[in-house]
Amino acid sequence: MATSTLIAIYFIIWWVVLFAILPWGVRSQEESGDVAPGTDPGAPSVHRVWRKLLWTTVTAAVAFGIAVAVYKAGLVPLEFLKQISNPPHS
């Protein structure tokens, strides 16, 4: 598999994992009791973006490693993927 394809697959997995991890541990300003004037009470009180980016990177790397292992072991044949995706016939 080409390096550019591997990078693209990792990038897609990373974004999906990011949106799954973003809501973890979020406490709103209202929950923490510290609502800043002029802000939405549902806005996060502490963002912790760098921690979430680190967790996203680690989790995406594990998921990507599993996907590569499954691909290299041939556990999901290419013909099966073509069959379930139903590509147009040329």
PDB file of N, CA and C in Angstrom:
ATOM      1  N   MET A   1       0.847  -1.163   0.000  1.00  0.00           N
ATOM      2  CA  MET A   1       0.000   0.000   0.000  1.00  0.00           C
ATOM      3  C   MET A   1       0.902   1.239   0.000  1.00  0.00           C
ATOM      4  N   ALA A   2       0.508   2.251  -0.746  1.00  0.00           N
ATOM      5  CA  ALA A   2       1.306   3.463  -0.876  1.00  0.00           C
ATOM      6  C   ALA A   2       1.323   4.255   0.434  1.00  0.00           C
ATOM      7  N   THR A   3       2.421   4.942   0.667  1.00  0.00           N
ATOM      8  CA  THR A   3       2.566   5.750   1.877  1.00  0.00           C
ATOM      9  C   THR A   3       1.491   6.823   1.952  1.00  0.00           C
ATOM     10  N   SER A   4       1.174   7.438   0.823  1.00  0.00           N
ATOM     11  CA  SER A   4       0.148   8.482   0.827  1.00  0.00           C
ATOM     12  C   SER A   4      -1.212   7.917   1.224  1.00  0.00           C
ATOM     13  N   THR A   5      -1.501   6.684   0.824  1.00  0.00           N
ATOM     14  CA  THR A   5      -2.761   6.044   1.209  1.00  0.00           C
ATOM     15  C   THR A   5      -2.784   5.786   2.706  1.00  0.00           C
ATOM     16  N   LEU A   6      -1.675   5.320   3.253  1.00  0.00           N
ATOM     17  CA  LEU A   6      -1.596   5.075   4.693  1.00  0.00           C
ATOM     18  C   LEU A   6      -1.778   6.367   5.491  1.00  0.00           C
ATOM     19  N   ILE A   7      -1.171   7.444   5.022  1.00  0.00           N
ATOM     20  CA  ILE A   7      -1.314   8.737   5.695  1.00  0.00           C
ATOM     21  C   ILE A   7      -2.768   9.205   5.634  1.00  0.00           C
ATOM     22  N   ALA A   8      -3.407   9.050   4.490  1.00  0.00           N
ATOM     23  CA  ALA A   8      -4.804   9.460   4.341  1.00  0.00           C
ATOM     24  C   ALA A   8      -5.718   8.645   5.256  1.00  0.00           C
ATOM     25  N   ILE A   9      -5.487   7.346   5.346  1.00  0.00           N
ATOM     26  CA  ILE A   9      -6.306   6.496   6.215  1.00  0.00           C
ATOM     27  C   ILE A   9      -6.101   6.885   7.674  1.00  0.00           C
ATOM     28  N   TYR A  10      -4.858   7.121   8.078  1.00  0.00           N
ATOM     29  CA  TYR A  10      -4.600   7.547   9.454  1.00  0.00           C
ATOM     30  C   TYR A  10      -5.280   8.883   9.744  1.00  0.00           C
ATOM     31  N   PHE A  11      -5.221   9.809   8.803  1.00  0.00           N
ATOM     32  CA  PHE A  11      -5.842  11.127   8.961  1.00  0.00           C
ATOM     33  C   PHE A  11      -7.352  10.990   9.169  1.00  0.00           C
ATOM     34  N   ILE A  12      -7.995  10.131   8.404  1.00  0.00           N
ATOM     35  CA  ILE A  12      -9.442   9.922   8.550  1.00  0.00           C
ATOM     36  C   ILE A  12      -9.754   9.299   9.908  1.00  0.00           C
ATOM     37  N   ILE A  13      -8.996   8.288  10.285  1.00  0.00           N
ATOM     38  CA  ILE A  13      -9.201   7.652  11.597  1.00  0.00           C
ATOM     39  C   ILE A  13      -8.982   8.676  12.700  1.00  0.00           C
ATOM     40  N   TRP A  14      -7.972   9.534  12.574  1.00  0.00           N
ATOM     41  CA  TRP A  14      -7.668  10.531  13.594  1.00  0.00           C
ATOM     42  C   TRP A  14      -8.835  11.487  13.788  1.00  0.00           C
ATOM     43  N   TRP A  15      -9.432  11.970  12.692  1.00  0.00           N
ATOM     44  CA  TRP A  15     -10.553  12.905  12.800  1.00  0.00           C
ATOM     45  C   TRP A  15     -11.781  12.249  13.421  1.00  0.00           C
ATOM     46  N   VAL A  16     -12.068  11.009  13.064  1.00  0.00           N
ATOM     47  CA  VAL A  16     -13.213  10.311  13.648  1.00  0.00           C
ATOM     48  C   VAL A  16     -12.997  10.132  15.151  1.00  0.00           C
ATOM     49  N   VAL A  17     -11.795   9.737  15.533  1.00  0.00           N
ATOM     50  CA  VAL A  17     -11.483   9.550  16.951  1.00  0.00           C
ATOM     51  C   VAL A  17     -11.526  10.887  17.693  1.00  0.00           C
ATOM     52  N   LEU A  18     -11.066  11.964  17.060  1.00  0.00           N
ATOM     53  CA  LEU A  18     -11.113  13.283  17.697  1.00  0.00           C
ATOM     54  C   LEU A  18     -12.534  13.647  18.097  1.00  0.00           C
ATOM     55  N   PHE A  19     -13.483  13.470  17.181  1.00  0.00           N
ATOM     56  CA  PHE A  19     -14.860  13.836  17.490  1.00  0.00           C
ATOM     57  C   PHE A  19     -15.495  12.888  18.498  1.00  0.00           C
ATOM     58  N   ALA A  20     -14.944  11.706  18.650  1.00  0.00           N
ATOM     59  CA  ALA A  20     -15.425  10.792  19.686  1.00  0.00           C
ATOM     60  C   ALA A  20     -14.854  11.178  21.052  1.00  0.00           C
ATOM     61  N   ILE A  21     -13.640  11.715  21.086  1.00  0.00           N
ATOM     62  CA  ILE A  21     -12.968  12.027  22.343  1.00  0.00           C
ATOM     63  C   ILE A  21     -13.280  13.435  22.856  1.00  0.00           C
ATOM     64  N   LEU A  22     -13.633  14.360  21.982  1.00  0.00           N
ATOM     65  CA  LEU A  22     -13.864  15.746  22.409  1.00  0.00           C
ATOM     66  C   LEU A  22     -14.817  15.890  23.599  1.00  0.00           C
ATOM     67  N   PRO A  23     -15.925  15.173  23.668  1.00  0.00           N
ATOM     68  CA  PRO A  23     -16.831  15.392  24.807  1.00  0.00           C
ATOM     69  C   PRO A  23     -16.390  14.752  26.124  1.00  0.00           C
ATOM     70  N   TRP A  24     -15.347  13.964  26.142  1.00  0.00           N
ATOM     71  CA  TRP A  24     -14.915  13.283  27.371  1.00  0.00           C
ATOM     72  C   TRP A  24     -14.496  14.280  28.435  1.00  0.00           C
ATOM     73  N   GLY A  25     -15.054  14.149  29.613  1.00  0.00           N
ATOM     74  CA  GLY A  25     -14.628  14.938  30.763  1.00  0.00           C
ATOM     75  C   GLY A  25     -14.946  16.412  30.703  1.00  0.00           C
ATOM     76  N   VAL A  26     -15.857  16.821  29.837  1.00  0.00           N
ATOM     77  CA  VAL A  26     -16.191  18.234  29.725  1.00  0.00           C
ATOM     78  C   VAL A  26     -17.163  18.611  30.843  1.00  0.00           C
ATOM     79  N   ARG A  27     -16.798  19.652  31.572  1.00  0.00           N
ATOM     80  CA  ARG A  27     -17.705  20.217  32.581  1.00  0.00           C
ATOM     81  C   ARG A  27     -18.055  21.625  32.121  1.00  0.00           C
ATOM     82  N   SER A  28     -19.360  21.907  32.096  1.00  0.00           N
ATOM     83  CA  SER A  28     -19.784  23.231  31.658  1.00  0.00           C
ATOM     84  C   SER A  28     -19.497  24.260  32.741  1.00  0.00           C
ATOM     85  N   GLN A  29     -19.559  25.526  32.349  1.00  0.00           N
ATOM     86  CA  GLN A  29     -19.356  26.598  33.319  1.00  0.00           C
ATOM     87  C   GLN A  29     -20.441  26.553  34.391  1.00  0.00           C
ATOM     88  N   GLU A  30     -21.637  26.184  33.984  1.00  0.00           N
ATOM     89  CA  GLU A  30     -22.739  26.102  34.940  1.00  0.00           C
ATOM     90  C   GLU A  30     -22.501  24.989  35.962  1.00  0.00           C
ATOM     91  N   GLU A  31     -21.983  23.851  35.501  1.00  0.00           N
ATOM     92  CA  GLU A  31     -21.697  22.735  36.408  1.00  0.00           C
ATOM     93  C   GLU A  31     -20.579  23.077  37.391  1.00  0.00           C
ATOM     94  N   SER A  32     -19.594  23.830  36.909  1.00  0.00           N
ATOM     95  CA  SER A  32     -18.476  24.177  37.785  1.00  0.00           C
ATOM     96  C   SER A  32     -18.785  25.385  38.663  1.00  0.00           C
ATOM     97  N   GLY A  33     -19.902  26.073  38.375  1.00  0.00           N
ATOM     98  CA  GLY A  33     -20.305  27.219  39.196  1.00  0.00           C
ATOM     99  C   GLY A  33     -19.547  28.486  38.910  1.00  0.00           C
ATOM    100  N   ASP A  34     -18.906  28.581  37.764  1.00  0.00           N
ATOM    101  CA  ASP A  34     -18.109  29.758  37.424  1.00  0.00           C
ATOM    102  C   ASP A  34     -18.482  30.231  36.023  1.00  0.00           C
ATOM    103  N   VAL A  35     -19.660  30.855  35.874  1.00  0.00           N
ATOM    104  CA  VAL A  35     -20.121  31.333  34.572  1.00  0.00           C
ATOM    105  C   VAL A  35     -19.550  32.727  34.334  1.00  0.00           C
ATOM    106  N   ALA A  36     -18.741  32.867  33.275  1.00  0.00           N
ATOM    107  CA  ALA A  36     -18.174  34.161  32.920  1.00  0.00           C
ATOM    108  C   ALA A  36     -19.261  35.020  32.291  1.00  0.00           C
ATOM    109  N   PRO A  37     -19.329  36.303  32.643  1.00  0.00           N
ATOM    110  CA  PRO A  37     -20.362  37.177  32.071  1.00  0.00           C
ATOM    111  C   PRO A  37     -20.250  37.238  30.552  1.00  0.00           C
ATOM    112  N   GLY A  38     -21.407  37.127  29.896  1.00  0.00           N
ATOM    113  CA  GLY A  38     -21.464  37.225  28.438  1.00  0.00           C
ATOM    114  C   GLY A  38     -21.189  35.926  27.716  1.00  0.00           C
ATOM    115  N   THR A  39     -21.023  34.825  28.435  1.00  0.00           N
ATOM    116  CA  THR A  39     -20.785  33.533  27.792  1.00  0.00           C
ATOM    117  C   THR A  39     -21.955  32.602  28.041  1.00  0.00           C
ATOM    118  N   ASP A  40     -22.036  31.574  27.235  1.00  0.00           N
ATOM    119  CA  ASP A  40     -23.079  30.566  27.399  1.00  0.00           C
ATOM    120  C   ASP A  40     -22.758  29.714  28.619  1.00  0.00           C
ATOM    121  N   PRO A  41     -23.749  29.479  29.494  1.00  0.00           N
ATOM    122  CA  PRO A  41     -23.479  28.640  30.668  1.00  0.00           C
ATOM    123  C   PRO A  41     -23.087  27.206  30.309  1.00  0.00           C
ATOM    124  N   GLY A  42     -23.419  26.767  29.091  1.00  0.00           N
ATOM    125  CA  GLY A  42     -23.060  25.416  28.665  1.00  0.00           C
ATOM    126  C   GLY A  42     -21.670  25.305  28.085  1.00  0.00           C
ATOM    127  N   ALA A  43     -20.970  26.439  27.964  1.00  0.00           N
ATOM    128  CA  ALA A  43     -19.605  26.423  27.430  1.00  0.00           C
ATOM    129  C   ALA A  43     -18.678  25.725  28.422  1.00  0.00           C
ATOM    130  N   PRO A  44     -17.671  25.015  27.910  1.00  0.00           N
ATOM    131  CA  PRO A  44     -16.755  24.322  28.826  1.00  0.00           C
ATOM    132  C   PRO A  44     -16.008  25.297  29.728  1.00  0.00           C
ATOM    133  N   SER A  45     -15.808  24.902  30.977  1.00  0.00           N
ATOM    134  CA  SER A  45     -15.056  25.754  31.895  1.00  0.00           C
ATOM    135  C   SER A  45     -13.556  25.584  31.683  1.00  0.00           C
ATOM    136  N   VAL A  46     -13.121  24.360  31.418  1.00  0.00           N
ATOM    137  CA  VAL A  46     -11.711  24.076  31.124  1.00  0.00           C
ATOM    138  C   VAL A  46     -11.683  23.221  29.852  1.00  0.00           C
ATOM    139  N   HIS A  47     -10.928  23.662  28.856  1.00  0.00           N
ATOM    140  CA  HIS A  47     -10.955  22.980  27.557  1.00  0.00           C
ATOM    141  C   HIS A  47     -10.085  21.729  27.503  1.00  0.00           C
ATOM    142  N   ARG A  48      -8.871  21.810  27.983  1.00  0.00           N
ATOM    143  CA  ARG A  48      -7.904  20.706  27.951  1.00  0.00           C
ATOM    144  C   ARG A  48      -7.705  20.150  26.531  1.00  0.00           C
ATOM    145  N   VAL A  49      -7.558  21.050  25.572  1.00  0.00           N
ATOM    146  CA  VAL A  49      -7.450  20.648  24.174  1.00  0.00           C
ATOM    147  C   VAL A  49      -6.197  19.810  23.926  1.00  0.00           C
ATOM    148  N   TRP A  50      -5.066  20.205  24.488  1.00  0.00           N
ATOM    149  CA  TRP A  50      -3.819  19.469  24.216  1.00  0.00           C
ATOM    150  C   TRP A  50      -3.886  18.047  24.733  1.00  0.00           C
ATOM    151  N   ARG A  51      -4.519  17.854  25.895  1.00  0.00           N
ATOM    152  CA  ARG A  51      -4.674  16.503  26.434  1.00  0.00           C
ATOM    153  C   ARG A  51      -5.565  15.663  25.512  1.00  0.00           C
ATOM    154  N   LYS A  52      -6.618  16.282  24.997  1.00  0.00           N
ATOM    155  CA  LYS A  52      -7.516  15.547  24.103  1.00  0.00           C
ATOM    156  C   LYS A  52      -6.836  15.223  22.777  1.00  0.00           C
ATOM    157  N   LEU A  53      -5.992  16.130  22.293  1.00  0.00           N
ATOM    158  CA  LEU A  53      -5.250  15.854  21.064  1.00  0.00           C
ATOM    159  C   LEU A  53      -4.261  14.715  21.271  1.00  0.00           C
ATOM    160  N   LEU A  54      -3.643  14.661  22.437  1.00  0.00           N
ATOM    161  CA  LEU A  54      -2.720  13.563  22.748  1.00  0.00           C
ATOM    162  C   LEU A  54      -3.480  12.233  22.801  1.00  0.00           C
ATOM    163  N   TRP A  55      -4.607  12.202  23.518  1.00  0.00           N
ATOM    164  CA  TRP A  55      -5.409  10.981  23.583  1.00  0.00           C
ATOM    165  C   TRP A  55      -5.912  10.579  22.201  1.00  0.00           C
ATOM    166  N   THR A  56      -6.285  11.554  21.383  1.00  0.00           N
ATOM    167  CA  THR A  56      -6.739  11.266  20.026  1.00  0.00           C
ATOM    168  C   THR A  56      -5.628  10.613  19.218  1.00  0.00           C
ATOM    169  N   THR A  57      -4.428  11.145  19.313  1.00  0.00           N
ATOM    170  CA  THR A  57      -3.299  10.618  18.559  1.00  0.00           C
ATOM    171  C   THR A  57      -2.969   9.188  18.985  1.00  0.00           C
ATOM    172  N   VAL A  58      -2.960   8.955  20.288  1.00  0.00           N
ATOM    173  CA  VAL A  58      -2.646   7.609  20.792  1.00  0.00           C
ATOM    174  C   VAL A  58      -3.727   6.609  20.381  1.00  0.00           C
ATOM    175  N   THR A  59      -4.988   6.980  20.584  1.00  0.00           N
ATOM    176  CA  THR A  59      -6.095   6.085  20.249  1.00  0.00           C
ATOM    177  C   THR A  59      -6.163   5.818  18.748  1.00  0.00           C
ATOM    178  N   ALA A  60      -5.960   6.857  17.933  1.00  0.00           N
ATOM    179  CA  ALA A  60      -5.974   6.684  16.482  1.00  0.00           C
ATOM    180  C   ALA A  60      -4.817   5.797  16.026  1.00  0.00           C
ATOM    181  N   ALA A  61      -3.655   5.920  16.673  1.00  0.00           N
ATOM    182  CA  ALA A  61      -2.517   5.077  16.307  1.00  0.00           C
ATOM    183  C   ALA A  61      -2.808   3.615  16.602  1.00  0.00           C
ATOM    184  N   VAL A  62      -3.458   3.341  17.735  1.00  0.00           N
ATOM    185  CA  VAL A  62      -3.823   1.961  18.072  1.00  0.00           C
ATOM    186  C   VAL A  62      -4.845   1.423  17.059  1.00  0.00           C
ATOM    187  N   ALA A  63      -5.869   2.216  16.758  1.00  0.00           N
ATOM    188  CA  ALA A  63      -6.890   1.788  15.790  1.00  0.00           C
ATOM    189  C   ALA A  63      -6.274   1.579  14.411  1.00  0.00           C
ATOM    190  N   PHE A  64      -5.364   2.472  14.022  1.00  0.00           N
ATOM    191  CA  PHE A  64      -4.693   2.346  12.730  1.00  0.00           C
ATOM    192  C   PHE A  64      -3.828   1.086  12.692  1.00  0.00           C
ATOM    193  N   GLY A  65      -3.124   0.820  13.787  1.00  0.00           N
ATOM    194  CA  GLY A  65      -2.308  -0.391  13.865  1.00  0.00           C
ATOM    195  C   GLY A  65      -3.140  -1.653  13.728  1.00  0.00           C
ATOM    196  N   ILE A  66      -4.300  -1.664  14.374  1.00  0.00           N
ATOM    197  CA  ILE A  66      -5.200  -2.811  14.245  1.00  0.00           C
ATOM    198  C   ILE A  66      -5.689  -2.948  12.810  1.00  0.00           C
ATOM    199  N   ALA A  67      -6.057  -1.826  12.190  1.00  0.00           N
ATOM    200  CA  ALA A  67      -6.536  -1.864  10.802  1.00  0.00           C
ATOM    201  C   ALA A  67      -5.451  -2.377   9.852  1.00  0.00           C
ATOM    202  N   VAL A  68      -4.213  -1.944  10.048  1.00  0.00           N
ATOM    203  CA  VAL A  68      -3.108  -2.401   9.200  1.00  0.00           C
ATOM    204  C   VAL A  68      -2.861  -3.886   9.419  1.00  0.00           C
ATOM    205  N   ALA A  69      -2.906  -4.332  10.673  1.00  0.00           N
ATOM    206  CA  ALA A  69      -2.701  -5.756  10.967  1.00  0.00           C
ATOM    207  C   ALA A  69      -3.784  -6.610  10.327  1.00  0.00           C
ATOM    208  N   VAL A  70      -5.023  -6.156  10.389  1.00  0.00           N
ATOM    209  CA  VAL A  70      -6.135  -6.888   9.766  1.00  0.00           C
ATOM    210  C   VAL A  70      -5.934  -6.943   8.253  1.00  0.00           C
ATOM    211  N   TYR A  71      -5.508  -5.818   7.661  1.00  0.00           N
ATOM    212  CA  TYR A  71      -5.281  -5.771   6.211  1.00  0.00           C
ATOM    213  C   TYR A  71      -4.137  -6.705   5.802  1.00  0.00           C
ATOM    214  N   LYS A  72      -3.011  -6.643   6.518  1.00  0.00           N
ATOM    215  CA  LYS A  72      -1.850  -7.464   6.160  1.00  0.00           C
ATOM    216  C   LYS A  72      -2.095  -8.950   6.390  1.00  0.00           C
ATOM    217  N   ALA A  73      -2.913  -9.283   7.383  1.00  0.00           N
ATOM    218  CA  ALA A  73      -3.224 -10.688   7.655  1.00  0.00           C
ATOM    219  C   ALA A  73      -4.261 -11.232   6.672  1.00  0.00           C
ATOM    220  N   GLY A  74      -4.874 -10.345   5.912  1.00  0.00           N
ATOM    221  CA  GLY A  74      -5.867 -10.771   4.929  1.00  0.00           C
ATOM    222  C   GLY A  74      -7.168 -11.243   5.558  1.00  0.00           C
ATOM    223  N   LEU A  75      -7.469 -10.736   6.742  1.00  0.00           N
ATOM    224  CA  LEU A  75      -8.694 -11.149   7.426  1.00  0.00           C
ATOM    225  C   LEU A  75      -9.954 -10.611   6.754  1.00  0.00           C
ATOM    226  N   VAL A  76      -9.828  -9.495   6.059  1.00  0.00           N
ATOM    227  CA  VAL A  76     -10.937  -8.936   5.295  1.00  0.00           C
ATOM    228  C   VAL A  76     -10.474  -8.837   3.840  1.00  0.00           C
ATOM    229  N   PRO A  77     -10.879  -9.800   3.008  1.00  0.00           N
ATOM    230  CA  PRO A  77     -10.406  -9.802   1.624  1.00  0.00           C
ATOM    231  C   PRO A  77     -10.937  -8.606   0.823  1.00  0.00           C
ATOM    232  N   LEU A  78     -10.137  -8.165  -0.127  1.00  0.00           N
ATOM    233  CA  LEU A  78     -10.512  -7.037  -0.971  1.00  0.00           C
ATOM    234  C   LEU A  78     -11.792  -7.327  -1.749  1.00  0.00           C
ATOM    235  N   GLU A  79     -11.970  -8.546  -2.190  1.00  0.00           N
ATOM    236  CA  GLU A  79     -13.183  -8.904  -2.930  1.00  0.00           C
ATOM    237  C   GLU A  79     -14.435  -8.739  -2.074  1.00  0.00           C
ATOM    238  N   PHE A  80     -14.339  -9.062  -0.793  1.00  0.00           N
ATOM    239  CA  PHE A  80     -15.472  -8.881   0.116  1.00  0.00           C
ATOM    240  C   PHE A  80     -15.815  -7.400   0.254  1.00  0.00           C
ATOM    241  N   LEU A  81     -14.791  -6.557   0.379  1.00  0.00           N
ATOM    242  CA  LEU A  81     -15.034  -5.118   0.478  1.00  0.00           C
ATOM    243  C   LEU A  81     -15.675  -4.570  -0.784  1.00  0.00           C
ATOM    244  N   LYS A  82     -15.236  -5.057  -1.939  1.00  0.00           N
ATOM    245  CA  LYS A  82     -15.850  -4.636  -3.203  1.00  0.00           C
ATOM    246  C   LYS A  82     -17.306  -5.072  -3.270  1.00  0.00           C
ATOM    247  N   GLN A  83     -17.564  -6.266  -2.780  1.00  0.00           N
ATOM    248  CA  GLN A  83     -18.926  -6.802  -2.828  1.00  0.00           C
ATOM    249  C   GLN A  83     -19.874  -5.995  -1.936  1.00  0.00           C
ATOM    250  N   ILE A  84     -19.460  -5.650  -0.738  1.00  0.00           N
ATOM    251  CA  ILE A  84     -20.368  -4.940   0.161  1.00  0.00           C
ATOM    252  C   ILE A  84     -20.478  -3.459  -0.170  1.00  0.00           C
ATOM    253  N   SER A  85     -19.481  -2.882  -0.864  1.00  0.00           N
ATOM    254  CA  SER A  85     -19.570  -1.477  -1.234  1.00  0.00           C
ATOM    255  C   SER A  85     -20.310  -1.291  -2.551  1.00  0.00           C
ATOM    256  N   ASN A  86     -20.466  -2.356  -3.314  1.00  0.00           N
ATOM    257  CA  ASN A  86     -21.215  -2.342  -4.570  1.00  0.00           C
ATOM    258  C   ASN A  86     -20.754  -1.235  -5.517  1.00  0.00           C
ATOM    259  N   PRO A  87     -19.487  -1.279  -5.962  1.00  0.00           N
ATOM    260  CA  PRO A  87     -19.002  -0.250  -6.884  1.00  0.00           C
ATOM    261  C   PRO A  87     -19.676  -0.407  -8.253  1.00  0.00           C
ATOM    262  N   PRO A  88     -19.733   0.661  -9.012  1.00  0.00           N
ATOM    263  CA  PRO A  88     -20.348   0.554 -10.351  1.00  0.00           C
ATOM    264  C   PRO A  88     -19.522  -0.347 -11.270  1.00  0.00           C
ATOM    265  N   HIS A  89     -20.202  -1.070 -12.112  1.00  0.00           N
ATOM    266  CA  HIS A  89     -19.525  -1.968 -13.057  1.00  0.00           C
ATOM    267  C   HIS A  89     -19.112  -1.164 -14.286  1.00  0.00           C
ATOM    268  N   SER A  90     -17.900  -1.408 -14.757  1.00  0.00           N
ATOM    269  CA  SER A  90     -17.439  -0.663 -15.937  1.00  0.00           C
ATOM    270  C   SER A  90     -17.461  -1.501 -17.176  1.00  0.00           C
TER     271      SER A  90
END
